[in-house]
Amino acid sequence: MTWLRCAVRRPAADTRLFCFTHAGGSATAYREWHGLLPATVELHATQLPGRADRFSEPPPESIEALADVLTETMLPLLDRRFALFGHSMGATVAYEVTRRLEARGLAPARLFVSGSPAPHEPRDTRALSTYDDDALVAELNKLGGTEVEILAHHAMREIVLPYVRADFRLLEAYRYRPGPPLRTPISVVVSDADPVVTPEQAKAWEARTVSEFSLRVFPGDHFYLQPHRAAVVGEVVRSLTG
């Protein structure tokens, strides 16, 4: 199965936008973005193993291994200008992919990171992956998102929670490896009531680039992307075309 999904092919597009999903997410997290993007931007969203139509496949072993395979998968698609967008866990993965691309001399036009602390900053030290079902669902409820409605059904928990736990294990095992800052501009997008990262904490991403840095704050919780989808996509488009 392919690691990247493109629901709307745009052969004439001059830019490709690669979107990386949050823990427990799939490519469908970005399915509404296509209609909000101009014809000049073609979107490719990550589809990780262990979920949706890749349910029977084993989950990734680490963030580093995941970044390695995604980098290789993206290479044939980098024949034009490109940018990366990652939310929550996806922000960390997108950052690690950007490091690998820059090492190959392939710098994105911009890296967009959303709802995530900077990779070199302290993170939540709780091992959420070890929580029992009720405790894990309670933590997910605090974050919000569409998965909360699904997890109200116990039968669905048996399907969804294993890959949610697998993703949390990736984050819990991730350790930032010191290295030079990116040459790629970084745009941070966060919400004002996110329990994962505050706007003040998100400013630490500026240390990860020697290029342009911007920070945009939206109202909402960790999944502010849903109610403010059009505005977030608009911010991405403005950054790419401005």
C-alpha atoms as a PDB file:
ATOM      1  CA  MET A   1       0.000   0.000   0.000  1.00  0.00           C
ATOM      2  CA  THR A   2       1.139   3.526  -0.707  1.00  0.00           C
ATOM      3  CA  TRP A   3       2.221   5.755   2.168  1.00  0.00           C
ATOM      4  CA  LEU A   4       0.831   8.882   0.487  1.00  0.00           C
ATOM      5  CA  ARG A   5      -2.721   9.498  -0.716  1.00  0.00           C
ATOM      6  CA  CYS A   6      -3.709  12.107  -3.278  1.00  0.00           C
ATOM      7  CA  ALA A   7      -7.496  12.311  -3.675  1.00  0.00           C
ATOM      8  CA  VAL A   8      -7.411  15.060  -6.322  1.00  0.00           C
ATOM      9  CA  ARG A   9      -4.669  14.918  -8.938  1.00  0.00           C
ATOM     10  CA  ARG A  10      -3.603  18.305 -10.289  1.00  0.00           C
ATOM     11  CA  PRO A  11      -1.005  17.717 -13.010  1.00  0.00           C
ATOM     12  CA  ALA A  12      -0.640  21.432 -13.688  1.00  0.00           C
ATOM     13  CA  ALA A  13      -0.026  22.337 -10.024  1.00  0.00           C
ATOM     14  CA  ASP A  14       3.290  24.083  -9.373  1.00  0.00           C
ATOM     15  CA  THR A  15       3.360  23.121  -5.671  1.00  0.00           C
ATOM     16  CA  ARG A  16       2.854  19.881  -3.760  1.00  0.00           C
ATOM     17  CA  LEU A  17       1.750  20.019  -0.128  1.00  0.00           C
ATOM     18  CA  PHE A  18       2.558  16.936   1.961  1.00  0.00           C
ATOM     19  CA  CYS A  19       0.379  16.603   5.073  1.00  0.00           C
ATOM     20  CA  PHE A  20       1.326  14.467   8.075  1.00  0.00           C
ATOM     21  CA  THR A  21      -1.363  13.195  10.429  1.00  0.00           C
ATOM     22  CA  HIS A  22      -1.730  13.310  14.202  1.00  0.00           C
ATOM     23  CA  ALA A  23      -1.464  10.258  16.478  1.00  0.00           C
ATOM     24  CA  GLY A  24      -4.324   7.925  15.624  1.00  0.00           C
ATOM     25  CA  GLY A  25      -5.081   9.868  12.446  1.00  0.00           C
ATOM     26  CA  SER A  26      -5.225   8.831   8.812  1.00  0.00           C
ATOM     27  CA  ALA A  27      -5.165  10.507   5.407  1.00  0.00           C
ATOM     28  CA  THR A  28      -8.860  11.329   5.789  1.00  0.00           C
ATOM     29  CA  ALA A  29      -7.902  14.046   8.297  1.00  0.00           C
ATOM     30  CA  TYR A  30      -7.083  16.220   5.269  1.00  0.00           C
ATOM     31  CA  ARG A  31      -9.866  15.113   2.887  1.00  0.00           C
ATOM     32  CA  GLU A  32     -11.675  18.451   3.156  1.00  0.00           C
ATOM     33  CA  TRP A  33      -8.546  20.446   2.314  1.00  0.00           C
ATOM     34  CA  HIS A  34      -8.589  19.683  -1.400  1.00  0.00           C
ATOM     35  CA  GLY A  35     -11.614  21.864  -2.030  1.00  0.00           C
ATOM     36  CA  LEU A  36     -10.042  24.765  -0.144  1.00  0.00           C
ATOM     37  CA  LEU A  37      -6.709  24.718  -1.955  1.00  0.00           C
ATOM     38  CA  PRO A  38      -6.154  26.526  -5.264  1.00  0.00           C
ATOM     39  CA  ALA A  39      -5.585  24.547  -8.453  1.00  0.00           C
ATOM     40  CA  THR A  40      -1.889  25.383  -8.149  1.00  0.00           C
ATOM     41  CA  VAL A  41      -1.474  23.152  -5.062  1.00  0.00           C
ATOM     42  CA  GLU A  42      -1.711  19.345  -5.052  1.00  0.00           C
ATOM     43  CA  LEU A  43      -2.147  17.692  -1.654  1.00  0.00           C
ATOM     44  CA  HIS A  44      -0.650  14.355  -0.589  1.00  0.00           C
ATOM     45  CA  ALA A  45      -1.599  13.038   2.880  1.00  0.00           C
ATOM     46  CA  THR A  46       0.202  10.319   4.821  1.00  0.00           C
ATOM     47  CA  GLN A  47      -1.497   6.983   5.402  1.00  0.00           C
ATOM     48  CA  LEU A  48       0.387   5.088   8.088  1.00  0.00           C
ATOM     49  CA  PRO A  49       0.177   1.306   8.550  1.00  0.00           C
ATOM     50  CA  GLY A  50      -2.020  -0.212  11.255  1.00  0.00           C
ATOM     51  CA  ARG A  51      -5.188   1.735  10.383  1.00  0.00           C
ATOM     52  CA  ALA A  52      -7.894   2.199   7.750  1.00  0.00           C
ATOM     53  CA  ASP A  53      -7.028   0.219   4.607  1.00  0.00           C
ATOM     54  CA  ARG A  54      -3.590  -0.603   6.086  1.00  0.00           C
ATOM     55  CA  PHE A  55      -5.087  -2.085   9.245  1.00  0.00           C
ATOM     56  CA  SER A  56      -3.397  -5.484   8.868  1.00  0.00           C
ATOM     57  CA  GLU A  57       0.108  -4.022   8.535  1.00  0.00           C
ATOM     58  CA  PRO A  58       2.436  -3.642  11.539  1.00  0.00           C
ATOM     59  CA  PRO A  59       2.866  -0.097  12.883  1.00  0.00           C
ATOM     60  CA  PRO A  60       6.122   1.831  12.381  1.00  0.00           C
ATOM     61  CA  GLU A  61       8.960   0.998  14.755  1.00  0.00           C
ATOM     62  CA  SER A  62      10.012   4.575  15.485  1.00  0.00           C
ATOM     63  CA  ILE A  63       9.616   8.186  14.399  1.00  0.00           C
ATOM     64  CA  GLU A  64      13.062   7.941  12.812  1.00  0.00           C
ATOM     65  CA  ALA A  65      12.169   4.819  10.806  1.00  0.00           C
ATOM     66  CA  LEU A  66       8.896   6.438   9.771  1.00  0.00           C
ATOM     67  CA  ALA A  67      10.699   9.582   8.612  1.00  0.00           C
ATOM     68  CA  ASP A  68      13.158   7.458   6.640  1.00  0.00           C
ATOM     69  CA  VAL A  69      10.487   5.614   4.655  1.00  0.00           C
ATOM     70  CA  LEU A  70       8.372   8.724   4.078  1.00  0.00           C
ATOM     71  CA  THR A  71      11.413  10.602   2.790  1.00  0.00           C
ATOM     72  CA  GLU A  72      12.123   7.846   0.285  1.00  0.00           C
ATOM     73  CA  THR A  73       8.446   7.719  -0.724  1.00  0.00           C
ATOM     74  CA  MET A  74       8.335  11.465  -1.352  1.00  0.00           C
ATOM     75  CA  LEU A  75      11.460  11.689  -3.495  1.00  0.00           C
ATOM     76  CA  PRO A  76       9.791  10.878  -6.851  1.00  0.00           C
ATOM     77  CA  LEU A  77       7.209  13.606  -6.151  1.00  0.00           C
ATOM     78  CA  LEU A  78       9.728  16.383  -5.537  1.00  0.00           C
ATOM     79  CA  ASP A  79      10.020  17.423  -9.168  1.00  0.00           C
ATOM     80  CA  ARG A  80       8.376  20.737  -8.333  1.00  0.00           C
ATOM     81  CA  ARG A  81       8.112  23.175  -5.442  1.00  0.00           C
ATOM     82  CA  PHE A  82       6.858  21.512  -2.258  1.00  0.00           C
ATOM     83  CA  ALA A  83       5.974  22.171   1.368  1.00  0.00           C
ATOM     84  CA  LEU A  84       5.183  20.077   4.449  1.00  0.00           C
ATOM     85  CA  PHE A  85       2.375  20.425   7.005  1.00  0.00           C
ATOM     86  CA  GLY A  86       2.172  18.323  10.160  1.00  0.00           C
ATOM     87  CA  HIS A  87      -0.257  18.377  13.068  1.00  0.00           C
ATOM     88  CA  SER A  88       0.677  17.096  16.550  1.00  0.00           C
ATOM     89  CA  MET A  89       2.685  13.868  16.018  1.00  0.00           C
ATOM     90  CA  GLY A  90       2.674  14.755  12.333  1.00  0.00           C
ATOM     91  CA  ALA A  91       4.622  17.934  13.109  1.00  0.00           C
ATOM     92  CA  THR A  92       7.471  15.921  14.618  1.00  0.00           C
ATOM     93  CA  VAL A  93       7.465  13.523  11.659  1.00  0.00           C
ATOM     94  CA  ALA A  94       7.376  16.403   9.164  1.00  0.00           C
ATOM     95  CA  TYR A  95      10.314  18.043  10.942  1.00  0.00           C
ATOM     96  CA  GLU A  96      12.380  14.850  10.808  1.00  0.00           C
ATOM     97  CA  VAL A  97      11.512  14.369   7.134  1.00  0.00           C
ATOM     98  CA  THR A  98      12.602  17.957   6.444  1.00  0.00           C
ATOM     99  CA  ARG A  99      15.961  17.273   8.108  1.00  0.00           C
ATOM    100  CA  ARG A 100      16.459  14.276   5.842  1.00  0.00           C
ATOM    101  CA  LEU A 101      15.431  16.171   2.734  1.00  0.00           C
ATOM    102  CA  GLU A 102      17.783  19.048   3.498  1.00  0.00           C
ATOM    103  CA  ALA A 103      20.612  16.533   3.960  1.00  0.00           C
ATOM    104  CA  ARG A 104      19.937  15.530   0.335  1.00  0.00           C
ATOM    105  CA  GLY A 105      19.940  19.150  -0.806  1.00  0.00           C
ATOM    106  CA  LEU A 106      16.133  19.259  -1.129  1.00  0.00           C
ATOM    107  CA  ALA A 107      14.789  22.115   0.982  1.00  0.00           C
ATOM    108  CA  PRO A 108      10.999  22.581   1.157  1.00  0.00           C
ATOM    109  CA  ALA A 109       9.490  25.975   0.414  1.00  0.00           C
ATOM    110  CA  ARG A 110       8.138  25.932   3.981  1.00  0.00           C
ATOM    111  CA  LEU A 111       7.530  23.652   6.952  1.00  0.00           C
ATOM    112  CA  PHE A 112       4.170  24.155   8.696  1.00  0.00           C
ATOM    113  CA  VAL A 113       3.952  22.707  12.211  1.00  0.00           C
ATOM    114  CA  SER A 114       0.709  22.625  14.176  1.00  0.00           C
ATOM    115  CA  GLY A 115      -0.246  21.724  17.743  1.00  0.00           C
ATOM    116  CA  SER A 116       3.181  20.441  18.776  1.00  0.00           C
ATOM    117  CA  PRO A 117       6.038  21.490  21.040  1.00  0.00           C
ATOM    118  CA  ALA A 118       9.396  22.045  19.346  1.00  0.00           C
ATOM    119  CA  PRO A 119      11.363  18.785  19.044  1.00  0.00           C
ATOM    120  CA  HIS A 120      14.124  19.914  21.402  1.00  0.00           C
ATOM    121  CA  GLU A 121      11.720  21.001  24.135  1.00  0.00           C
ATOM    122  CA  PRO A 122      10.453  18.832  27.048  1.00  0.00           C
ATOM    123  CA  ARG A 123       7.324  16.819  26.298  1.00  0.00           C
ATOM    124  CA  ASP A 124       4.560  15.105  28.209  1.00  0.00           C
ATOM    125  CA  THR A 125       6.356  12.357  30.131  1.00  0.00           C
ATOM    126  CA  ARG A 126       3.237  10.310  30.852  1.00  0.00           C
ATOM    127  CA  ALA A 127       3.259   6.927  29.102  1.00  0.00           C
ATOM    128  CA  LEU A 128      -0.226   7.271  27.637  1.00  0.00           C
ATOM    129  CA  SER A 129       0.314   4.137  25.569  1.00  0.00           C
ATOM    130  CA  THR A 130       0.223   2.086  28.806  1.00  0.00           C
ATOM    131  CA  TYR A 131      -3.091   3.509  30.039  1.00  0.00           C
ATOM    132  CA  ASP A 132      -6.059   1.156  30.174  1.00  0.00           C
ATOM    133  CA  ASP A 133      -8.883   1.763  27.707  1.00  0.00           C
ATOM    134  CA  ASP A 134     -11.020   3.995  29.929  1.00  0.00           C
ATOM    135  CA  ALA A 135      -8.086   6.125  31.050  1.00  0.00           C
ATOM    136  CA  LEU A 136      -6.782   6.497  27.488  1.00  0.00           C
ATOM    137  CA  VAL A 137     -10.207   7.469  26.163  1.00  0.00           C
ATOM    138  CA  ALA A 138     -10.487  10.039  28.975  1.00  0.00           C
ATOM    139  CA  GLU A 139      -7.191  11.591  27.853  1.00  0.00           C
ATOM    140  CA  LEU A 140      -8.328  11.630  24.229  1.00  0.00           C
ATOM    141  CA  ASN A 141     -11.554  13.308  25.334  1.00  0.00           C
ATOM    142  CA  LYS A 142      -9.483  16.161  26.749  1.00  0.00           C
ATOM    143  CA  LEU A 143      -7.907  16.704  23.337  1.00  0.00           C
ATOM    144  CA  GLY A 144     -11.184  16.641  21.385  1.00  0.00           C
ATOM    145  CA  GLY A 145     -11.398  15.594  17.740  1.00  0.00           C
ATOM    146  CA  THR A 146     -13.660  13.300  15.768  1.00  0.00           C
ATOM    147  CA  GLU A 147     -12.141  10.152  17.273  1.00  0.00           C
ATOM    148  CA  VAL A 148     -13.918  10.955  20.545  1.00  0.00           C
ATOM    149  CA  GLU A 149     -17.313  10.223  18.990  1.00  0.00           C
ATOM    150  CA  ILE A 150     -16.040   6.944  17.539  1.00  0.00           C
ATOM    151  CA  LEU A 151     -14.557   5.837  20.859  1.00  0.00           C
ATOM    152  CA  ALA A 152     -17.924   6.136  22.581  1.00  0.00           C
ATOM    153  CA  HIS A 153     -18.672   2.737  21.012  1.00  0.00           C
ATOM    154  CA  HIS A 154     -16.835  -0.082  22.756  1.00  0.00           C
ATOM    155  CA  ALA A 155     -16.639  -2.193  19.601  1.00  0.00           C
ATOM    156  CA  MET A 156     -14.808   0.631  17.867  1.00  0.00           C
ATOM    157  CA  ARG A 157     -12.356   0.935  20.737  1.00  0.00           C
ATOM    158  CA  GLU A 158     -11.049  -2.548  19.937  1.00  0.00           C
ATOM    159  CA  ILE A 159     -10.262  -1.364  16.417  1.00  0.00           C
ATOM    160  CA  VAL A 160      -8.998   2.165  17.049  1.00  0.00           C
ATOM    161  CA  LEU A 161      -7.130   2.068  20.372  1.00  0.00           C
ATOM    162  CA  PRO A 162      -4.375  -0.347  19.270  1.00  0.00           C
ATOM    163  CA  TYR A 163      -3.081   2.022  16.589  1.00  0.00           C
ATOM    164  CA  VAL A 164      -3.612   5.066  18.805  1.00  0.00           C
ATOM    165  CA  ARG A 165      -1.402   3.374  21.415  1.00  0.00           C
ATOM    166  CA  ALA A 166       1.146   2.479  18.751  1.00  0.00           C
ATOM    167  CA  ASP A 167       1.381   6.128  17.713  1.00  0.00           C
ATOM    168  CA  PHE A 168       1.747   7.281  21.308  1.00  0.00           C
ATOM    169  CA  ARG A 169       4.585   4.777  21.740  1.00  0.00           C
ATOM    170  CA  LEU A 170       6.355   6.417  18.803  1.00  0.00           C
ATOM    171  CA  LEU A 171       6.116   9.816  20.473  1.00  0.00           C
ATOM    172  CA  GLU A 172       7.113   8.491  23.890  1.00  0.00           C
ATOM    173  CA  ALA A 173      10.242   6.870  22.446  1.00  0.00           C
ATOM    174  CA  TYR A 174      11.249   9.871  20.314  1.00  0.00           C
ATOM    175  CA  ARG A 175      14.428  11.673  21.358  1.00  0.00           C
ATOM    176  CA  TYR A 176      15.616  14.785  19.570  1.00  0.00           C
ATOM    177  CA  ARG A 177      19.072  14.421  18.047  1.00  0.00           C
ATOM    178  CA  PRO A 178      20.953  17.752  18.196  1.00  0.00           C
ATOM    179  CA  GLY A 179      21.874  19.166  14.816  1.00  0.00           C
ATOM    180  CA  PRO A 180      22.063  22.388  12.836  1.00  0.00           C
ATOM    181  CA  PRO A 181      18.887  24.423  12.387  1.00  0.00           C
ATOM    182  CA  LEU A 182      16.930  24.067   9.184  1.00  0.00           C
ATOM    183  CA  ARG A 183      17.362  26.332   6.192  1.00  0.00           C
ATOM    184  CA  THR A 184      13.638  25.900   5.579  1.00  0.00           C
ATOM    185  CA  PRO A 185      11.257  28.631   6.813  1.00  0.00           C
ATOM    186  CA  ILE A 186       8.980  27.438   9.633  1.00  0.00           C
ATOM    187  CA  SER A 187       5.394  28.546  10.160  1.00  0.00           C
ATOM    188  CA  VAL A 188       3.822  27.501  13.466  1.00  0.00           C
ATOM    189  CA  VAL A 189       0.059  27.261  13.851  1.00  0.00           C
ATOM    190  CA  VAL A 190      -1.431  26.658  17.301  1.00  0.00           C
ATOM    191  CA  SER A 191      -4.584  27.271  19.305  1.00  0.00           C
ATOM    192  CA  ASP A 192      -5.024  29.346  22.417  1.00  0.00           C
ATOM    193  CA  ALA A 193      -6.383  26.505  24.602  1.00  0.00           C
ATOM    194  CA  ASP A 194      -4.348  23.501  23.479  1.00  0.00           C
ATOM    195  CA  PRO A 195      -3.376  21.268  26.446  1.00  0.00           C
ATOM    196  CA  VAL A 196      -0.430  19.910  24.433  1.00  0.00           C
ATOM    197  CA  VAL A 197       1.380  23.180  23.663  1.00  0.00           C
ATOM    198  CA  THR A 198       0.779  26.826  24.509  1.00  0.00           C
ATOM    199  CA  PRO A 199       1.480  29.643  22.033  1.00  0.00           C
ATOM    200  CA  GLU A 200       4.379  30.720  24.249  1.00  0.00           C
ATOM    201  CA  GLN A 201       5.889  27.231  24.179  1.00  0.00           C
ATOM    202  CA  ALA A 202       5.367  27.018  20.416  1.00  0.00           C
ATOM    203  CA  LYS A 203       7.731  29.973  19.926  1.00  0.00           C
ATOM    204  CA  ALA A 204      10.601  27.582  20.668  1.00  0.00           C
ATOM    205  CA  TRP A 205      10.257  26.301  17.075  1.00  0.00           C
ATOM    206  CA  GLU A 206      12.037  29.495  15.984  1.00  0.00           C
ATOM    207  CA  ALA A 207      15.315  27.984  17.229  1.00  0.00           C
ATOM    208  CA  ARG A 208      14.967  25.202  14.676  1.00  0.00           C
ATOM    209  CA  THR A 209      15.467  27.429  11.618  1.00  0.00           C
ATOM    210  CA  VAL A 210      17.873  30.082  10.398  1.00  0.00           C
ATOM    211  CA  SER A 211      15.246  31.224   7.929  1.00  0.00           C
ATOM    212  CA  GLU A 212      11.920  33.007   8.288  1.00  0.00           C
ATOM    213  CA  PHE A 213       9.676  32.144  11.238  1.00  0.00           C
ATOM    214  CA  SER A 214       6.019  32.951  11.871  1.00  0.00           C
ATOM    215  CA  LEU A 215       3.441  32.068  14.534  1.00  0.00           C
ATOM    216  CA  ARG A 216      -0.327  32.180  14.108  1.00  0.00           C
ATOM    217  CA  VAL A 217      -2.739  31.526  16.991  1.00  0.00           C
ATOM    218  CA  PHE A 218      -6.332  30.344  16.488  1.00  0.00           C
ATOM    219  CA  PRO A 219      -9.071  29.938  19.084  1.00  0.00           C
ATOM    220  CA  GLY A 220      -9.846  26.377  20.132  1.00  0.00           C
ATOM    221  CA  ASP A 221      -8.414  23.174  21.558  1.00  0.00           C
ATOM    222  CA  HIS A 222      -5.912  20.662  20.199  1.00  0.00           C
ATOM    223  CA  PHE A 223      -8.104  19.956  17.188  1.00  0.00           C
ATOM    224  CA  TYR A 224      -8.826  23.581  16.309  1.00  0.00           C
ATOM    225  CA  LEU A 225      -8.063  22.541  12.708  1.00  0.00           C
ATOM    226  CA  GLN A 226     -11.580  21.207  12.285  1.00  0.00           C
ATOM    227  CA  PRO A 227     -13.727  24.273  13.056  1.00  0.00           C
ATOM    228  CA  HIS A 228     -11.118  26.623  11.557  1.00  0.00           C
ATOM    229  CA  ARG A 229     -10.213  24.500   8.547  1.00  0.00           C
ATOM    230  CA  ALA A 230     -10.811  27.199   5.932  1.00  0.00           C
ATOM    231  CA  ALA A 231      -8.810  29.787   7.868  1.00  0.00           C
ATOM    232  CA  VAL A 232      -5.901  27.390   8.457  1.00  0.00           C
ATOM    233  CA  VAL A 233      -5.771  26.389   4.792  1.00  0.00           C
ATOM    234  CA  GLY A 234      -5.969  30.071   3.903  1.00  0.00           C
ATOM    235  CA  GLU A 235      -2.964  30.741   6.145  1.00  0.00           C
ATOM    236  CA  VAL A 236      -1.029  27.961   4.406  1.00  0.00           C
ATOM    237  CA  VAL A 237      -1.892  29.303   0.967  1.00  0.00           C
ATOM    238  CA  ARG A 238      -0.940  32.868   1.904  1.00  0.00           C
ATOM    239  CA  SER A 239       2.401  31.700   3.258  1.00  0.00           C
ATOM    240  CA  LEU A 240       3.123  29.745   0.095  1.00  0.00           C
ATOM    241  CA  THR A 241       2.078  32.480  -2.316  1.00  0.00           C
ATOM    242  CA  GLY A 242       3.101  35.600  -0.409  1.00  0.00           C
END
